C-alpha cells in the first residue's frame, strides 16, 4: 500500500486572491503605511523638539 503514488488532479482550479483578510497586498500596504507613519513621527519629533504625544497635547 505504501508503494502506490497518490494521483494528481487532472484540473487545477484557478482561484482569485481574496479581497479581504490576510493576503499579500494587504500585508504589503500595511507595512508601507507603518513605515511612512514612523518616518512622519520622527520628522515631527526632530522639527518640534517634542515627542509625538507631547506635540499632540496628550502628555
N, C-alpha and C. Protein backbone atom coordinates (compact mmCIF):
# COMPACT_ATOMS: atom_id res chain seq x y z
N UNK A 1 0.82 -1.19 0.00
CA UNK A 1 0.00 0.00 0.00
C UNK A 1 0.86 1.25 0.00
N UNK A 2 2.03 1.21 0.63
CA UNK A 2 2.90 2.38 0.70
C UNK A 2 3.61 2.63 -0.62
N UNK A 3 3.61 1.64 -1.51
CA UNK A 3 4.30 1.79 -2.79
C UNK A 3 3.47 2.57 -3.80
N UNK A 4 2.19 2.70 -3.59
CA UNK A 4 1.34 3.41 -4.54
C UNK A 4 1.51 4.91 -4.39
N UNK A 5 1.48 5.60 -5.53
CA UNK A 5 1.55 7.06 -5.52
C UNK A 5 0.13 7.61 -5.54
N UNK A 6 -0.06 8.75 -4.90
CA UNK A 6 -1.38 9.37 -4.93
C UNK A 6 -1.57 10.05 -6.28
N UNK A 7 -2.72 9.92 -6.86
CA UNK A 7 -2.95 10.53 -8.18
C UNK A 7 -3.03 12.05 -8.06
N UNK A 8 -2.51 12.75 -9.05
CA UNK A 8 -2.61 14.21 -9.08
C UNK A 8 -3.88 14.61 -9.80
N UNK A 9 -4.46 15.75 -9.43
CA UNK A 9 -5.72 16.16 -10.07
C UNK A 9 -5.52 16.47 -11.55
N UNK A 10 -6.56 16.25 -12.33
CA UNK A 10 -6.50 16.50 -13.77
C UNK A 10 -6.61 17.99 -14.06
N UNK A 11 -7.39 18.70 -13.26
CA UNK A 11 -7.60 20.13 -13.46
C UNK A 11 -7.26 20.85 -12.17
N UNK A 12 -6.42 21.87 -12.27
CA UNK A 12 -6.06 22.68 -11.10
C UNK A 12 -6.91 23.93 -11.12
N UNK A 13 -7.65 24.21 -10.04
CA UNK A 13 -8.53 25.39 -10.04
C UNK A 13 -7.72 26.68 -10.07
N UNK A 14 -8.24 27.68 -10.77
CA UNK A 14 -7.62 29.00 -10.85
C UNK A 14 -8.39 29.91 -9.90
N UNK A 15 -7.89 30.03 -8.65
CA UNK A 15 -8.59 30.80 -7.63
C UNK A 15 -8.09 32.23 -7.60
N UNK A 16 -9.00 33.17 -7.42
CA UNK A 16 -8.63 34.58 -7.28
C UNK A 16 -8.11 34.83 -5.88
N UNK A 17 -7.26 35.83 -5.73
CA UNK A 17 -6.78 36.21 -4.41
C UNK A 17 -7.94 36.86 -3.65
N UNK A 18 -8.09 36.55 -2.35
CA UNK A 18 -9.23 37.11 -1.62
C UNK A 18 -9.16 38.63 -1.52
N UNK A 19 -10.32 39.26 -1.50
CA UNK A 19 -10.39 40.72 -1.44
C UNK A 19 -10.19 41.24 -0.01
N UNK A 20 -10.53 40.43 0.99
CA UNK A 20 -10.43 40.83 2.39
C UNK A 20 -9.55 39.84 3.13
N UNK A 21 -9.07 40.24 4.29
CA UNK A 21 -8.30 39.34 5.12
C UNK A 21 -6.81 39.46 4.89
N UNK A 22 -6.09 38.43 5.33
CA UNK A 22 -4.64 38.43 5.22
C UNK A 22 -4.23 37.94 3.84
N UNK A 23 -3.93 38.87 2.96
CA UNK A 23 -3.38 38.50 1.66
C UNK A 23 -2.11 39.32 1.45
N UNK A 24 -1.36 39.01 0.42
CA UNK A 24 -0.06 39.66 0.21
C UNK A 24 -0.20 41.16 0.01
N UNK A 25 -1.20 41.60 -0.73
CA UNK A 25 -1.36 43.03 -0.99
C UNK A 25 -1.68 43.80 0.28
N UNK A 26 -2.58 43.27 1.10
CA UNK A 26 -2.97 43.96 2.33
C UNK A 26 -1.79 44.05 3.29
N UNK A 27 -1.01 42.98 3.39
CA UNK A 27 0.14 42.99 4.30
C UNK A 27 1.22 43.96 3.81
N UNK A 28 1.43 44.02 2.50
CA UNK A 28 2.42 44.94 1.94
C UNK A 28 1.99 46.39 2.17
N UNK A 29 0.72 46.66 1.96
CA UNK A 29 0.19 48.01 2.16
C UNK A 29 0.27 48.42 3.64
N UNK A 30 -0.03 47.51 4.53
CA UNK A 30 0.06 47.79 5.96
C UNK A 30 1.49 48.08 6.38
N UNK A 31 2.44 47.33 5.86
CA UNK A 31 3.85 47.57 6.17
C UNK A 31 4.33 48.92 5.67
N UNK A 32 3.91 49.28 4.48
CA UNK A 32 4.32 50.58 3.93
C UNK A 32 3.71 51.72 4.72
N UNK A 33 2.47 51.60 5.13
CA UNK A 33 1.82 52.64 5.93
C UNK A 33 2.51 52.78 7.29
N UNK A 34 2.93 51.67 7.87
CA UNK A 34 3.64 51.73 9.15
C UNK A 34 4.99 52.43 8.99
N UNK A 35 5.69 52.15 7.90
CA UNK A 35 6.99 52.81 7.68
C UNK A 35 6.82 54.31 7.47
N UNK A 36 5.80 54.70 6.72
CA UNK A 36 5.55 56.13 6.50
C UNK A 36 5.18 56.81 7.82
N UNK A 37 4.34 56.17 8.62
CA UNK A 37 3.96 56.73 9.91
C UNK A 37 5.14 56.89 10.84
N UNK A 38 6.04 55.94 10.84
CA UNK A 38 7.22 56.02 11.70
C UNK A 38 8.12 57.18 11.27
N UNK A 39 8.32 57.35 9.97
CA UNK A 39 9.15 58.44 9.47
C UNK A 39 8.50 59.79 9.77
N UNK A 40 7.19 59.89 9.65
CA UNK A 40 6.49 61.13 9.97
C UNK A 40 6.62 61.45 11.46
N UNK A 41 6.50 60.44 12.32
CA UNK A 41 6.66 60.66 13.76
C UNK A 41 8.08 61.14 14.08
N UNK A 42 9.09 60.57 13.43
CA UNK A 42 10.46 61.02 13.63
C UNK A 42 10.65 62.45 13.14
N UNK A 43 10.05 62.79 12.00
CA UNK A 43 10.17 64.15 11.46
C UNK A 43 9.51 65.17 12.40
N UNK A 44 8.36 64.83 12.97
CA UNK A 44 7.70 65.74 13.91
C UNK A 44 8.55 65.93 15.15
N UNK A 45 9.12 64.84 15.66
CA UNK A 45 9.96 64.94 16.85
C UNK A 45 11.21 65.76 16.56
N UNK A 46 11.80 65.59 15.42
CA UNK A 46 13.01 66.33 15.06
C UNK A 46 12.72 67.82 14.86
N UNK A 47 11.61 68.13 14.18
CA UNK A 47 11.33 69.53 13.86
C UNK A 47 10.78 70.33 15.05
N UNK A 48 10.05 69.68 15.96
CA UNK A 48 9.46 70.42 17.07
C UNK A 48 10.27 70.29 18.36
N UNK A 49 11.12 69.31 18.46
CA UNK A 49 11.87 69.08 19.69
C UNK A 49 11.05 68.42 20.78
N UNK A 50 9.85 68.00 20.47
CA UNK A 50 8.97 67.31 21.41
C UNK A 50 8.64 65.94 20.85
N UNK A 51 8.23 65.05 21.74
CA UNK A 51 7.75 63.76 21.29
C UNK A 51 6.39 63.89 20.63
N UNK A 52 5.97 62.87 19.94
CA UNK A 52 4.69 62.91 19.23
C UNK A 52 3.52 63.11 20.18
N UNK A 53 3.52 62.42 21.33
CA UNK A 53 2.41 62.57 22.27
C UNK A 53 2.38 63.96 22.89
N UNK A 54 3.55 64.52 23.15
CA UNK A 54 3.60 65.89 23.68
C UNK A 54 3.13 66.88 22.63
N UNK A 55 3.51 66.66 21.39
CA UNK A 55 3.11 67.55 20.30
C UNK A 55 1.59 67.53 20.11
N UNK A 56 0.99 66.35 20.32
CA UNK A 56 -0.46 66.23 20.20
C UNK A 56 -1.19 66.73 21.43
N UNK A 57 -0.46 67.02 22.51
CA UNK A 57 -1.08 67.52 23.73
C UNK A 57 -1.59 66.44 24.64
N UNK A 58 -1.12 65.22 24.46
CA UNK A 58 -1.60 64.11 25.28
C UNK A 58 -0.77 63.91 26.54
N UNK A 59 0.41 64.49 26.58
CA UNK A 59 1.26 64.39 27.79
C UNK A 59 1.52 65.76 28.34
